[in-house]
C-alpha atoms as a PDB file:
ATOM      1  CA  MET A   1      -6.933  -7.715  18.534  1.00  0.00           C
ATOM      2  CA  ILE A   2      -7.102  -5.657  15.292  1.00  0.00           C
ATOM      3  CA  ASP A   3      -9.639  -6.508  12.431  1.00  0.00           C
ATOM      4  CA  LEU A   4      -7.834  -5.675   9.109  1.00  0.00           C
ATOM      5  CA  HIS A   5     -10.245  -4.994   6.202  1.00  0.00           C
ATOM      6  CA  TYR A   6      -8.004  -6.061   3.464  1.00  0.00           C
ATOM      7  CA  TRP A   7      -7.401  -7.245  -0.170  1.00  0.00           C
ATOM      8  CA  PRO A   8      -4.009  -8.375  -1.323  1.00  0.00           C
ATOM      9  CA  THR A   9      -3.028  -5.100  -3.155  1.00  0.00           C
ATOM     10  CA  PRO A  10       0.052  -2.980  -2.386  1.00  0.00           C
ATOM     11  CA  ASN A  11      -1.875  -0.745   0.057  1.00  0.00           C
ATOM     12  CA  GLY A  12      -3.112  -3.886   1.777  1.00  0.00           C
ATOM     13  CA  HIS A  13       0.363  -5.457   2.020  1.00  0.00           C
ATOM     14  CA  LYS A  14       1.678  -2.305   3.759  1.00  0.00           C
ATOM     15  CA  ILE A  15      -0.483  -3.053   6.752  1.00  0.00           C
ATOM     16  CA  THR A  16       0.192  -6.811   6.989  1.00  0.00           C
ATOM     17  CA  MET A  17       3.869  -5.945   6.813  1.00  0.00           C
ATOM     18  CA  PHE A  18       3.583  -3.751   9.883  1.00  0.00           C
ATOM     19  CA  LEU A  19       1.422  -6.191  11.807  1.00  0.00           C
ATOM     20  CA  GLU A  20       3.804  -9.061  11.148  1.00  0.00           C
ATOM     21  CA  GLU A  21       6.832  -7.061  12.052  1.00  0.00           C
ATOM     22  CA  ALA A  22       5.294  -5.765  15.263  1.00  0.00           C
ATOM     23  CA  GLY A  23       3.762  -9.193  16.192  1.00  0.00           C
ATOM     24  CA  LEU A  24       0.344  -7.702  16.609  1.00  0.00           C
ATOM     25  CA  ALA A  25      -2.605 -10.117  16.653  1.00  0.00           C
ATOM     26  CA  TYR A  26      -5.010  -9.451  13.796  1.00  0.00           C
ATOM     27  CA  THR A  27      -7.812 -11.009  11.818  1.00  0.00           C
ATOM     28  CA  ILE A  28      -8.210 -10.417   8.068  1.00  0.00           C
ATOM     29  CA  ARG A  29     -11.592  -9.355   6.965  1.00  0.00           C
ATOM     30  CA  PRO A  30     -11.590  -9.705   3.113  1.00  0.00           C
ATOM     31  CA  VAL A  31     -12.865  -6.704   1.173  1.00  0.00           C
ATOM     32  CA  ASN A  32     -13.364  -8.163  -2.311  1.00  0.00           C
ATOM     33  CA  ILE A  33     -12.868  -4.976  -4.382  1.00  0.00           C
ATOM     34  CA  VAL A  34     -13.800  -6.931  -7.654  1.00  0.00           C
ATOM     35  CA  GLU A  35     -17.205  -7.884  -6.297  1.00  0.00           C
ATOM     36  CA  GLY A  36     -17.899  -4.455  -4.791  1.00  0.00           C
ATOM     37  CA  ASP A  37     -17.462  -5.132  -1.135  1.00  0.00           C
ATOM     38  CA  GLN A  38     -15.882  -1.581  -0.694  1.00  0.00           C
ATOM     39  CA  PHE A  39     -19.233  -0.042  -1.350  1.00  0.00           C
ATOM     40  CA  LYS A  40     -21.209  -1.917   1.323  1.00  0.00           C
ATOM     41  CA  PRO A  41     -22.680   0.217   3.975  1.00  0.00           C
ATOM     42  CA  ASP A  42     -20.862  -1.436   6.889  1.00  0.00           C
ATOM     43  CA  PHE A  43     -17.504  -0.949   5.249  1.00  0.00           C
ATOM     44  CA  LEU A  44     -18.269   2.673   4.294  1.00  0.00           C
ATOM     45  CA  LYS A  45     -18.790   3.354   7.964  1.00  0.00           C
ATOM     46  CA  LEU A  46     -15.074   2.395   8.427  1.00  0.00           C
ATOM     47  CA  SER A  47     -13.750   3.894   5.164  1.00  0.00           C
ATOM     48  CA  PRO A  48     -15.875   6.663   3.720  1.00  0.00           C
ATOM     49  CA  ASN A  49     -13.688   6.911   0.697  1.00  0.00           C
ATOM     50  CA  ASN A  50     -14.665   3.318  -0.182  1.00  0.00           C
ATOM     51  CA  ARG A  51     -11.073   2.186  -0.367  1.00  0.00           C
ATOM     52  CA  MET A  52      -9.418  -0.568   1.642  1.00  0.00           C
ATOM     53  CA  PRO A  53      -7.394  -1.051   3.777  1.00  0.00           C
ATOM     54  CA  ALA A  54      -9.091  -0.054   7.053  1.00  0.00           C
ATOM     55  CA  ILE A  55      -8.610  -1.357  10.582  1.00  0.00           C
ATOM     56  CA  VAL A  56     -10.518  -1.622  13.766  1.00  0.00           C
ATOM     57  CA  ASP A  57      -8.383  -1.741  16.931  1.00  0.00           C
ATOM     58  CA  HIS A  58     -10.353  -3.441  19.734  1.00  0.00           C
ATOM     59  CA  MET A  59      -7.528  -2.805  22.203  1.00  0.00           C
ATOM     60  CA  PRO A  60      -6.322   0.772  21.636  1.00  0.00           C
ATOM     61  CA  ALA A  61      -3.394   1.964  23.784  1.00  0.00           C
ATOM     62  CA  ASP A  62      -5.605   4.219  25.981  1.00  0.00           C
ATOM     63  CA  GLY A  63      -7.777   1.283  26.981  1.00  0.00           C
ATOM     64  CA  GLY A  64     -10.910   3.026  25.691  1.00  0.00           C
ATOM     65  CA  ALA A  65     -13.467   2.254  22.972  1.00  0.00           C
ATOM     66  CA  ARG A  66     -12.328   0.706  19.754  1.00  0.00           C
ATOM     67  CA  VAL A  67     -10.633   2.843  17.139  1.00  0.00           C
ATOM     68  CA  SER A  68     -11.146   2.572  13.385  1.00  0.00           C
ATOM     69  CA  VAL A  69      -8.666   4.020  10.923  1.00  0.00           C
ATOM     70  CA  PHE A  70      -8.891   4.300   7.126  1.00  0.00           C
ATOM     71  CA  GLU A  71      -6.177   5.308   4.626  1.00  0.00           C
ATOM     72  CA  SER A  72      -3.023   3.233   4.640  1.00  0.00           C
ATOM     73  CA  GLY A  73      -0.603   6.045   5.615  1.00  0.00           C
ATOM     74  CA  ALA A  74      -2.783   7.009   8.595  1.00  0.00           C
ATOM     75  CA  ILE A  75      -3.065   3.362   9.581  1.00  0.00           C
ATOM     76  CA  LEU A  76       0.776   3.002   9.521  1.00  0.00           C
ATOM     77  CA  VAL A  77       1.244   6.164  11.714  1.00  0.00           C
ATOM     78  CA  TYR A  78      -1.469   4.953  14.118  1.00  0.00           C
ATOM     79  CA  LEU A  79       0.096   1.531  14.532  1.00  0.00           C
ATOM     80  CA  ALA A  80       3.597   3.041  14.864  1.00  0.00           C
ATOM     81  CA  GLU A  81       2.398   5.381  17.621  1.00  0.00           C
ATOM     82  CA  LYS A  82       0.447   2.543  19.338  1.00  0.00           C
ATOM     83  CA  THR A  83       3.417   0.222  19.465  1.00  0.00           C
ATOM     84  CA  GLY A  84       6.331   2.792  19.631  1.00  0.00           C
ATOM     85  CA  ARG A  85       7.911   1.027  16.725  1.00  0.00           C
ATOM     86  CA  PHE A  86       9.042   1.887  13.180  1.00  0.00           C
ATOM     87  CA  LEU A  87       8.615   5.682  13.641  1.00  0.00           C
ATOM     88  CA  SER A  88      11.481   7.369  15.571  1.00  0.00           C
ATOM     89  CA  ALA A  89      10.766   9.544  18.630  1.00  0.00           C
ATOM     90  CA  ASP A  90      13.630  11.750  17.558  1.00  0.00           C
ATOM     91  CA  ALA A  91      11.920  14.899  16.044  1.00  0.00           C
ATOM     92  CA  ARG A  92      14.193  15.184  12.967  1.00  0.00           C
ATOM     93  CA  ARG A  93      14.185  11.517  12.099  1.00  0.00           C
ATOM     94  CA  ARG A  94      10.363  11.387  12.688  1.00  0.00           C
ATOM     95  CA  VAL A  95       9.673  14.159  10.292  1.00  0.00           C
ATOM     96  CA  GLN A  96      12.050  12.630   7.637  1.00  0.00           C
ATOM     97  CA  THR A  97      10.072   9.321   7.988  1.00  0.00           C
ATOM     98  CA  LEU A  98       6.767  11.191   7.488  1.00  0.00           C
ATOM     99  CA  GLU A  99       8.102  12.998   4.532  1.00  0.00           C
ATOM    100  CA  TRP A 100       8.907   9.740   2.805  1.00  0.00           C
ATOM    101  CA  LEU A 101       5.652   8.179   3.823  1.00  0.00           C
ATOM    102  CA  PHE A 102       3.659  11.072   2.327  1.00  0.00           C
ATOM    103  CA  TRP A 103       5.929  10.914  -0.736  1.00  0.00           C
ATOM    104  CA  GLN A 104       4.725   7.391  -1.228  1.00  0.00           C
ATOM    105  CA  VAL A 105       1.014   7.969  -0.600  1.00  0.00           C
ATOM    106  CA  GLY A 106       1.030  11.093  -2.582  1.00  0.00           C
ATOM    107  CA  GLY A 107       3.407  10.137  -5.391  1.00  0.00           C
ATOM    108  CA  LEU A 108       4.658   6.597  -5.915  1.00  0.00           C
ATOM    109  CA  GLY A 109       1.446   4.923  -5.130  1.00  0.00           C
ATOM    110  CA  PRO A 110      -0.901   7.062  -7.326  1.00  0.00           C
ATOM    111  CA  MET A 111       1.501   7.203 -10.252  1.00  0.00           C
ATOM    112  CA  ALA A 112       2.309   3.538 -10.175  1.00  0.00           C
ATOM    113  CA  GLY A 113      -1.474   2.884  -9.783  1.00  0.00           C
ATOM    114  CA  GLN A 114      -2.189   4.932 -13.089  1.00  0.00           C
ATOM    115  CA  ASN A 115       0.635   2.991 -14.687  1.00  0.00           C
ATOM    116  CA  HIS A 116      -1.070  -0.330 -13.927  1.00  0.00           C
ATOM    117  CA  HIS A 117      -4.421   1.191 -14.955  1.00  0.00           C
ATOM    118  CA  PHE A 118      -3.539   2.427 -18.483  1.00  0.00           C
ATOM    119  CA  ALA A 119      -1.195  -0.445 -19.289  1.00  0.00           C
ATOM    120  CA  LEU A 120      -3.267  -3.312 -17.935  1.00  0.00           C
ATOM    121  CA  TYR A 121      -6.885  -2.416 -17.311  1.00  0.00           C
ATOM    122  CA  ALA A 122      -7.966   0.398 -19.593  1.00  0.00           C
ATOM    123  CA  PRO A 123     -10.398  -0.830 -22.393  1.00  0.00           C
ATOM    124  CA  GLU A 124      -8.145   0.775 -24.918  1.00  0.00           C
ATOM    125  CA  GLN A 125      -4.429   1.310 -25.108  1.00  0.00           C
ATOM    126  CA  ILE A 126      -3.617   5.053 -25.137  1.00  0.00           C
ATOM    127  CA  PRO A 127       0.081   5.510 -25.857  1.00  0.00           C
ATOM    128  CA  TYR A 128       0.243   8.943 -24.394  1.00  0.00           C
ATOM    129  CA  ALA A 129      -1.149   7.881 -21.014  1.00  0.00           C
ATOM    130  CA  ILE A 130       1.053   4.728 -20.824  1.00  0.00           C
ATOM    131  CA  ASN A 131       4.177   6.670 -21.618  1.00  0.00           C
ATOM    132  CA  ARG A 132       3.230   9.340 -19.193  1.00  0.00           C
ATOM    133  CA  TYR A 133       2.911   7.006 -16.226  1.00  0.00           C
ATOM    134  CA  VAL A 134       5.635   4.622 -17.148  1.00  0.00           C
ATOM    135  CA  LYS A 135       8.044   7.593 -17.360  1.00  0.00           C
ATOM    136  CA  GLU A 136       6.793   9.135 -14.046  1.00  0.00           C
ATOM    137  CA  THR A 137       7.160   5.754 -12.355  1.00  0.00           C
ATOM    138  CA  ASN A 138      10.630   5.645 -13.656  1.00  0.00           C
ATOM    139  CA  ARG A 139      11.424   9.089 -12.339  1.00  0.00           C
ATOM    140  CA  LEU A 140      10.138   8.077  -8.857  1.00  0.00           C
ATOM    141  CA  TYR A 141      12.290   4.966  -8.874  1.00  0.00           C
ATOM    142  CA  GLY A 142      15.221   7.274  -9.591  1.00  0.00           C
ATOM    143  CA  VAL A 143      14.230   9.367  -6.620  1.00  0.00           C
ATOM    144  CA  LEU A 144      14.340   6.214  -4.408  1.00  0.00           C
ATOM    145  CA  ASP A 145      17.572   5.042  -5.915  1.00  0.00           C
ATOM    146  CA  LYS A 146      19.288   8.293  -5.187  1.00  0.00           C
ATOM    147  CA  ARG A 147      18.161   8.425  -1.629  1.00  0.00           C
ATOM    148  CA  LEU A 148      19.261   4.900  -1.069  1.00  0.00           C
ATOM    149  CA  ALA A 149      22.627   5.502  -2.362  1.00  0.00           C
ATOM    150  CA  ASP A 150      23.831   6.502   1.081  1.00  0.00           C
ATOM    151  CA  HIS A 151      21.057   5.183   3.265  1.00  0.00           C
ATOM    152  CA  GLU A 152      20.475   1.524   4.167  1.00  0.00           C
ATOM    153  CA  PHE A 153      16.711   2.358   4.510  1.00  0.00           C
ATOM    154  CA  LEU A 154      14.820   5.476   3.702  1.00  0.00           C
ATOM    155  CA  VAL A 155      15.390   7.067   7.135  1.00  0.00           C
ATOM    156  CA  GLY A 156      17.709   5.450   9.639  1.00  0.00           C
ATOM    157  CA  ASP A 157      16.466   2.090  10.643  1.00  0.00           C
ATOM    158  CA  TYR A 158      13.608   0.183   8.970  1.00  0.00           C
ATOM    159  CA  SER A 159      10.465   2.268   9.205  1.00  0.00           C
ATOM    160  CA  ILE A 160       6.929   2.744   8.092  1.00  0.00           C
ATOM    161  CA  ALA A 161       8.285   4.718   5.104  1.00  0.00           C
ATOM    162  CA  ASP A 162      10.091   1.490   3.812  1.00  0.00           C
ATOM    163  CA  MET A 163       6.832  -0.469   4.420  1.00  0.00           C
ATOM    164  CA  ALA A 164       4.771   1.893   2.528  1.00  0.00           C
ATOM    165  CA  SER A 165       7.081   1.966  -0.510  1.00  0.00           C
ATOM    166  CA  TYR A 166       8.173  -1.632  -0.891  1.00  0.00           C
ATOM    167  CA  PRO A 167       4.843  -3.138  -1.965  1.00  0.00           C
ATOM    168  CA  TRP A 168       4.704  -0.581  -4.766  1.00  0.00           C
ATOM    169  CA  ILE A 169       8.021  -1.817  -6.156  1.00  0.00           C
ATOM    170  CA  VAL A 170       6.999  -5.564  -5.947  1.00  0.00           C
ATOM    171  CA  PRO A 171       5.139  -5.232  -9.230  1.00  0.00           C
ATOM    172  CA  HIS A 172       7.989  -3.541 -10.992  1.00  0.00           C
ATOM    173  CA  LYS A 173       7.756  -5.661 -14.077  1.00  0.00           C
ATOM    174  CA  ARG A 174       4.019  -4.758 -14.484  1.00  0.00           C
ATOM    175  CA  GLN A 175       5.219  -1.087 -14.377  1.00  0.00           C
ATOM    176  CA  SER A 176       7.697  -1.611 -17.230  1.00  0.00           C
ATOM    177  CA  GLN A 177      10.738  -1.093 -14.816  1.00  0.00           C
ATOM    178  CA  THR A 178      13.907  -2.899 -14.526  1.00  0.00           C
ATOM    179  CA  LEU A 179      15.417  -3.034 -11.077  1.00  0.00           C
ATOM    180  CA  ASP A 180      18.911  -3.608 -12.509  1.00  0.00           C
ATOM    181  CA  ASP A 181      18.740   0.008 -13.554  1.00  0.00           C
ATOM    182  CA  PHE A 182      18.469   1.081 -10.008  1.00  0.00           C
ATOM    183  CA  PRO A 183      21.165  -0.742  -8.094  1.00  0.00           C
ATOM    184  CA  ASN A 184      20.685   0.997  -4.690  1.00  0.00           C
ATOM    185  CA  LEU A 185      16.922   0.477  -4.971  1.00  0.00           C
ATOM    186  CA  LYS A 186      17.508  -3.262  -5.814  1.00  0.00           C
ATOM    187  CA  ARG A 187      19.683  -3.768  -2.842  1.00  0.00           C
ATOM    188  CA  TRP A 188      17.038  -2.175  -0.603  1.00  0.00           C
ATOM    189  CA  PHE A 189      14.261  -4.194  -2.194  1.00  0.00           C
ATOM    190  CA  GLU A 190      16.050  -7.498  -1.764  1.00  0.00           C
ATOM    191  CA  THR A 191      16.888  -6.781   1.842  1.00  0.00           C
ATOM    192  CA  ILE A 192      13.297  -6.084   2.694  1.00  0.00           C
ATOM    193  CA  LYS A 193      11.965  -8.999   0.586  1.00  0.00           C
ATOM    194  CA  ALA A 194      14.226 -11.266   2.711  1.00  0.00           C
ATOM    195  CA  ARG A 195      12.803 -10.122   6.046  1.00  0.00           C
ATOM    196  CA  PRO A 196      10.717 -12.756   7.822  1.00  0.00           C
ATOM    197  CA  GLY A 197       8.013 -10.266   8.584  1.00  0.00           C
ATOM    198  CA  THR A 198       7.627  -9.375   4.876  1.00  0.00           C
ATOM    199  CA  GLN A 199       7.417 -13.041   3.821  1.00  0.00           C
ATOM    200  CA  ARG A 200       4.809 -13.691   6.484  1.00  0.00           C
ATOM    201  CA  ALA A 201       2.866 -10.627   5.346  1.00  0.00           C
ATOM    202  CA  TYR A 202       2.811 -11.799   1.695  1.00  0.00           C
ATOM    203  CA  GLU A 203       1.931 -15.419   2.819  1.00  0.00           C
ATOM    204  CA  ALA A 204      -1.169 -14.031   4.661  1.00  0.00           C
ATOM    205  CA  GLY A 205      -2.556 -12.800   1.433  1.00  0.00           C
ATOM    206  CA  LYS A 206      -2.074 -15.881  -0.635  1.00  0.00           C
ATOM    207  CA  SER A 207      -5.317 -17.454   0.555  1.00  0.00           C
ATOM    208  CA  ILE A 208      -7.209 -14.718  -1.300  1.00  0.00           C
ATOM    209  CA  GLN A 209      -6.806 -15.338  -5.058  1.00  0.00           C
ATOM    210  CA  MET A 210      -6.288 -12.340  -7.050  1.00  0.00           C
ATOM    211  CA  ARG A 211      -7.223 -12.634 -10.786  1.00  0.00           C
ATOM    212  CA  ARG A 212      -5.063 -11.171 -13.620  1.00  0.00           C
ATOM    213  CA  PRO A 213      -6.410  -7.945 -15.291  1.00  0.00           C
ATOM    214  CA  GLU A 214      -7.346  -9.786 -18.485  1.00  0.00           C
ATOM    215  CA  GLU A 215      -9.497 -12.111 -16.388  1.00  0.00           C
ATOM    216  CA  LEU A 216     -11.832  -9.443 -15.248  1.00  0.00           C
ATOM    217  CA  SER A 217     -15.173  -8.824 -16.773  1.00  0.00           C
ATOM    218  CA  ASP A 218     -16.421  -5.393 -18.028  1.00  0.00           C
ATOM    219  CA  ALA A 219     -18.712  -5.282 -15.089  1.00  0.00           C
ATOM    220  CA  GLU A 220     -16.036  -5.976 -12.675  1.00  0.00           C
ATOM    221  CA  LYS A 221     -13.741  -3.354 -14.204  1.00  0.00           C
ATOM    222  CA  SER A 222     -16.659  -0.918 -13.962  1.00  0.00           C
ATOM    223  CA  LEU A 223     -16.851  -1.598 -10.134  1.00  0.00           C
ATOM    224  CA  LEU A 224     -13.128  -0.842  -9.809  1.00  0.00           C
ATOM    225  CA  PHE A 225     -12.838   2.144 -12.139  1.00  0.00           C
ATOM    226  CA  GLY A 226     -16.252   3.443 -13.339  1.00  0.00           C
ATOM    227  CA  GLN A 227     -17.706   4.989 -10.176  1.00  0.00           C
ATOM    228  CA  ASP A 228     -18.772   8.549  -9.587  1.00  0.00           C
ATOM    229  CA  SER A 229     -20.333  10.425  -6.598  1.00  0.00           C
ATOM    230  CA  SER A 230     -23.522   8.350  -6.730  1.00  0.00           C
ATOM    231  CA  VAL A 231     -21.737   5.499  -4.846  1.00  0.00           C
ATOM    232  CA  ILE A 232     -21.043   7.849  -2.020  1.00  0.00           C
ATOM    233  CA  LYS A 233     -24.609   9.463  -1.953  1.00  0.00           C
ATOM    234  CA  ARG A 234     -26.571   6.218  -1.914  1.00  0.00           C
END
């Protein structure tokens, strides 16, 4: 059994996508990031960067003590290695999958996240910042579209690289992007969207109601975006 410390954000969806595809038993432990659950001492023991998701695997492959993992990319690699699925054993294909996984965690996710922040959450509209991240998101969509021109999935068969990237394309309208501008990306997106595992993963998060950016109070926005090192030291 795996405990998944989760909130229905793109990074959270990555993990439910894997768990559903692999058929692993798991329990969702909600981490309400709007109410500050990510700063509670018990959660910080699992995720010292006060970010979800995190997992606790009570039945690791070696049969030993439970294993906790934080950071969505690390979780995907751990689960792939635990199950022997969605990460090829072939050295060349494996390294390509890891390249695209790290491309997502180091590029697509952070840039799209800043896109969301300045367009939807920032207390004032800063045209330079909005334009900067909308354009960078657009560039990254172009990188995906080019890669997918001659690949059904990012690397060979469906893999953790695809699971990592897909949830960050789901909110494409919020990112001021049009999928029709990227036909290869759109084909890939619709293929993954139609997978039963993807549908089950997103269904799992529906019981947790996410509020729209305009519905958040200033105090809630401060919890999400106004923290400094004091939250780590306390």
